[in-house]
């Protein structure tokens, strides 16, 4: 049990660290200046402050901490914030399936535990003593106390594993939303290009021409 409490405590610390990231509610001034310079190269001069704010909004990046916060409140909500709608059914299916399997194994664990405790107390009225209802009077039970103890421990282990899986998938859902929001901040516009161009230069010492190829990477 202490291992699971440690795991949950670690998860809570991770979520707290994620939420403590500074939200980027506006573009840094250097980025706005770069936008203005880029527009100036294209012959567009922004004189109106309202127009500048419009450009700023258009280039405003997603806040990764906000996406992580949404996914922590409701799994899949951060993916919706990032507009990765196709991930939502995967998140819900993975976490919902893990929660279902946890509940399923927990119910069986409780059932076998109750039967085991009653059998030790001398009762023979549990559902596993005569599963099909066709045992002759005085016949051995379908599942004896050793079988009940084994099944109890088996479903307890399976239940705990599914609990760990559900917690892990919940954390992964938060990490995915956070990382996806970070990646959306990278420049992926059409101005990105790689090109090769020939160049001609003159050596100032020997006054002889130098020929070659230039690799141009445009951001």
Protein backbone atom coordinates (compact mmCIF):
# COMPACT_ATOMS: atom_id res chain seq x y z
CA UNK A 1 0.00 0.00 0.00
CA UNK A 2 2.86 2.37 0.79
CA UNK A 3 4.16 1.88 -2.76
CA UNK A 4 0.84 3.06 -4.21
CA UNK A 5 0.71 6.04 -1.85
CA UNK A 6 4.24 6.97 -2.94
CA UNK A 7 3.19 6.69 -6.59
CA UNK A 8 0.16 8.92 -6.04
CA UNK A 9 2.26 11.46 -4.11
CA UNK A 10 4.80 11.55 -6.96
CA UNK A 11 1.99 12.10 -9.47
CA UNK A 12 0.57 14.98 -7.42
CA UNK A 13 4.00 16.61 -7.20
CA UNK A 14 4.38 16.28 -10.98
CA UNK A 15 0.98 17.89 -11.60
CA UNK A 16 1.82 20.72 -9.20
CA UNK A 17 5.13 21.30 -11.04
CA UNK A 18 3.35 21.33 -14.39
CA UNK A 19 0.75 23.83 -13.26
CA UNK A 20 3.41 26.10 -11.77
CA UNK A 21 4.86 26.81 -15.21
CA UNK A 22 4.49 30.42 -16.26
CA UNK A 23 1.61 30.82 -18.69
CA UNK A 24 2.47 32.69 -21.86
CA UNK A 25 -0.51 35.02 -22.13
CA UNK A 26 1.23 37.26 -24.66
CA UNK A 27 4.09 37.15 -27.10
CA UNK A 28 7.45 38.42 -25.84
CA UNK A 29 8.45 41.81 -27.19
CA UNK A 30 11.33 40.31 -29.16
CA UNK A 31 8.90 38.05 -31.00
CA UNK A 32 6.59 40.98 -31.79
CA UNK A 33 9.59 42.91 -33.11
CA UNK A 34 10.51 39.98 -35.34
CA UNK A 35 6.96 39.89 -36.68
CA UNK A 36 7.09 43.61 -37.44
CA UNK A 37 10.46 43.23 -39.16
CA UNK A 38 9.16 40.36 -41.25
CA UNK A 39 6.13 42.36 -42.33
CA UNK A 40 8.32 45.36 -43.08
CA UNK A 41 10.40 43.25 -45.47
CA UNK A 42 7.18 42.45 -47.32
CA UNK A 43 6.29 46.14 -47.53
CA UNK A 44 3.68 46.07 -44.77
CA UNK A 45 3.99 48.77 -42.13
CA UNK A 46 1.84 48.47 -38.99
CA UNK A 47 0.96 51.91 -37.68
CA UNK A 48 -2.26 51.12 -35.89
CA UNK A 49 -1.91 49.68 -32.39
CA UNK A 50 -5.12 47.73 -32.88
CA UNK A 51 -3.67 46.07 -35.98
CA UNK A 52 -0.53 45.24 -34.02
CA UNK A 53 -2.60 43.58 -31.30
CA UNK A 54 -4.39 41.59 -34.00
CA UNK A 55 -1.07 40.32 -35.31
CA UNK A 56 -0.04 39.53 -31.75
CA UNK A 57 -3.18 37.48 -31.23
CA UNK A 58 -2.64 35.61 -34.45
CA UNK A 59 0.86 34.62 -33.39
CA UNK A 60 -0.06 33.98 -29.74
CA UNK A 61 1.20 30.48 -28.74
CA UNK A 62 -0.81 27.99 -26.74
CA UNK A 63 -0.04 27.93 -23.05
CA UNK A 64 1.25 24.42 -22.22
CA UNK A 65 0.39 24.82 -18.56
CA UNK A 66 -3.21 25.63 -19.47
CA UNK A 67 -3.48 22.51 -21.64
CA UNK A 68 -2.06 20.37 -18.83
CA UNK A 69 -4.45 21.94 -16.33
CA UNK A 70 -7.46 21.14 -18.52
CA UNK A 71 -6.35 17.52 -18.93
CA UNK A 72 -5.88 17.20 -15.18
CA UNK A 73 -9.44 18.43 -14.54
CA UNK A 74 -10.97 16.22 -17.22
CA UNK A 75 -8.85 13.77 -19.26
CA UNK A 76 -9.05 14.66 -22.94
CA UNK A 77 -9.93 18.29 -22.31
CA UNK A 78 -6.34 19.39 -22.93
CA UNK A 79 -6.36 17.54 -26.24
CA UNK A 80 -9.52 19.44 -27.19
CA UNK A 81 -7.77 22.69 -26.22
CA UNK A 82 -4.90 21.73 -28.54
CA UNK A 83 -7.44 20.85 -31.27
CA UNK A 84 -6.24 17.24 -31.36
CA UNK A 85 -9.78 15.92 -31.38
CA UNK A 86 -8.81 12.48 -32.67
CA UNK A 87 -6.89 11.82 -29.45
CA UNK A 88 -9.93 12.31 -27.20
CA UNK A 89 -11.53 8.86 -27.84
CA UNK A 90 -8.12 7.24 -27.26
CA UNK A 91 -7.68 9.03 -23.93
CA UNK A 92 -11.19 8.24 -22.77
CA UNK A 93 -10.97 4.63 -23.93
CA UNK A 94 -7.59 4.02 -22.26
CA UNK A 95 -8.43 5.62 -18.92
CA UNK A 96 -12.06 4.43 -18.92
CA UNK A 97 -11.00 0.88 -19.79
CA UNK A 98 -8.44 0.84 -16.99
CA UNK A 99 -11.01 2.15 -14.51
CA UNK A 100 -13.49 -0.53 -15.63
CA UNK A 101 -10.94 -3.32 -15.22
CA UNK A 102 -10.03 -1.99 -11.77
CA UNK A 103 -13.69 -2.07 -10.70
CA UNK A 104 -14.19 -5.53 -12.25
CA UNK A 105 -11.23 -7.08 -10.42
CA UNK A 106 -12.11 -5.25 -7.20
CA UNK A 107 -15.63 -6.74 -7.22
CA UNK A 108 -14.27 -10.26 -7.70
CA UNK A 109 -11.66 -9.70 -5.00
CA UNK A 110 -14.36 -8.66 -2.53
CA UNK A 111 -16.54 -11.61 -3.53
CA UNK A 112 -13.81 -14.21 -2.98
CA UNK A 113 -12.65 -12.48 0.21
CA UNK A 114 -16.16 -12.59 1.68
CA UNK A 115 -16.56 -16.26 0.72
CA UNK A 116 -13.14 -17.11 2.19
CA UNK A 117 -13.93 -15.40 5.51
CA UNK A 118 -17.34 -17.11 5.77
CA UNK A 119 -15.86 -20.51 4.91
CA UNK A 120 -13.28 -20.08 7.69
CA UNK A 121 -16.13 -19.23 10.06
CA UNK A 122 -17.79 -22.56 9.21
CA UNK A 123 -20.49 -21.43 6.78
CA UNK A 124 -21.13 -23.28 3.52
CA UNK A 125 -23.69 -20.97 1.93
CA UNK A 126 -21.35 -18.98 -0.30
CA UNK A 127 -21.75 -19.00 -4.10
CA UNK A 128 -18.52 -20.94 -4.64
CA UNK A 129 -19.38 -23.93 -2.47
CA UNK A 130 -21.77 -25.32 -5.09
CA UNK A 131 -21.36 -23.22 -8.23
CA UNK A 132 -23.75 -25.14 -10.50
CA UNK A 133 -26.09 -26.31 -7.71
CA UNK A 134 -25.72 -29.99 -8.61
CA UNK A 135 -23.43 -31.23 -5.83
CA UNK A 136 -24.68 -34.17 -3.80
CA UNK A 137 -25.26 -33.64 -0.10
CA UNK A 138 -21.99 -33.89 1.80
CA UNK A 139 -19.88 -33.58 -1.38
CA UNK A 140 -16.70 -31.57 -1.43
CA UNK A 141 -17.10 -27.88 -2.38
CA UNK A 142 -16.31 -26.77 -5.90
CA UNK A 143 -13.77 -24.33 -4.48
CA UNK A 144 -12.20 -25.09 -1.11
CA UNK A 145 -10.60 -22.51 1.19
CA UNK A 146 -7.22 -22.79 -0.56
CA UNK A 147 -8.88 -22.04 -3.91
CA UNK A 148 -10.76 -19.10 -2.43
CA UNK A 149 -7.56 -17.69 -0.91
CA UNK A 150 -5.72 -18.07 -4.24
CA UNK A 151 -8.49 -16.36 -6.21
CA UNK A 152 -8.69 -13.59 -3.63
CA UNK A 153 -4.96 -12.83 -3.92
CA UNK A 154 -5.05 -13.15 -7.70
CA UNK A 155 -7.81 -10.58 -8.19
CA UNK A 156 -6.26 -8.30 -5.59
CA UNK A 157 -3.00 -8.23 -7.57
CA UNK A 158 -4.85 -7.67 -10.84
CA UNK A 159 -6.86 -4.87 -9.26
CA UNK A 160 -3.72 -3.12 -8.00
CA UNK A 161 -2.04 -3.42 -11.40
CA UNK A 162 -5.02 -1.82 -13.13
CA UNK A 163 -4.96 0.97 -10.56
CA UNK A 164 -1.33 1.69 -11.42
CA UNK A 165 -2.21 1.55 -15.13
CA UNK A 166 -5.08 4.02 -14.69
CA UNK A 167 -2.88 6.46 -12.75
CA UNK A 168 -0.11 6.13 -15.35
CA UNK A 169 -2.48 6.76 -18.25
CA UNK A 170 -3.96 9.75 -16.44
CA UNK A 171 -0.46 11.21 -16.03
CA UNK A 172 0.38 10.40 -19.65
CA UNK A 173 -2.75 12.27 -20.75
CA UNK A 174 -1.46 15.38 -18.93
CA UNK A 175 2.06 15.02 -20.37
CA UNK A 176 0.68 14.58 -23.90
CA UNK A 177 -1.41 17.76 -23.66
CA UNK A 178 1.54 19.72 -22.25
CA UNK A 179 4.06 18.52 -24.86
CA UNK A 180 1.60 18.95 -27.73
CA UNK A 181 0.99 22.58 -26.70
CA UNK A 182 4.76 23.15 -26.58
CA UNK A 183 5.22 21.73 -30.09
CA UNK A 184 2.51 24.03 -31.44
CA UNK A 185 4.74 27.00 -30.60
CA UNK A 186 7.39 26.02 -33.14
CA UNK A 187 7.50 27.91 -36.39
CA UNK A 188 6.01 25.63 -39.04
CA UNK A 189 4.83 28.21 -41.60
CA UNK A 190 5.41 28.16 -45.34
CA UNK A 191 8.45 30.47 -45.07
CA UNK A 192 10.60 27.56 -43.90
CA UNK A 193 12.81 26.44 -46.77
CA UNK A 194 16.18 24.95 -47.67
CA UNK A 195 17.85 25.88 -50.91
CA UNK A 196 21.17 25.60 -52.73
CA UNK A 197 22.53 28.56 -54.69
CA UNK A 198 25.81 29.02 -56.57
CA UNK A 199 28.00 31.92 -55.47
CA UNK A 200 30.94 33.83 -56.94
CA UNK A 201 33.42 35.67 -54.74
CA UNK A 202 36.79 37.36 -55.30
CA UNK A 203 39.80 36.77 -53.13
CA UNK A 204 41.04 40.22 -52.10
CA UNK A 205 44.62 38.98 -51.72
CA UNK A 206 45.08 37.15 -55.01
CA UNK A 207 42.22 38.94 -56.80
CA UNK A 208 41.09 35.57 -58.14
CA UNK A 209 37.48 34.39 -58.30
CA UNK A 210 36.17 31.71 -55.93
CA UNK A 211 33.32 29.49 -57.06
CA UNK A 212 31.09 27.32 -54.91
CA UNK A 213 27.62 26.40 -53.68
CA UNK A 214 25.80 28.00 -50.74
CA UNK A 215 23.32 26.21 -48.52
CA UNK A 216 20.57 28.65 -47.56
CA UNK A 217 18.18 27.84 -44.72
CA UNK A 218 15.33 30.33 -44.37
CA UNK A 219 13.35 30.57 -41.14
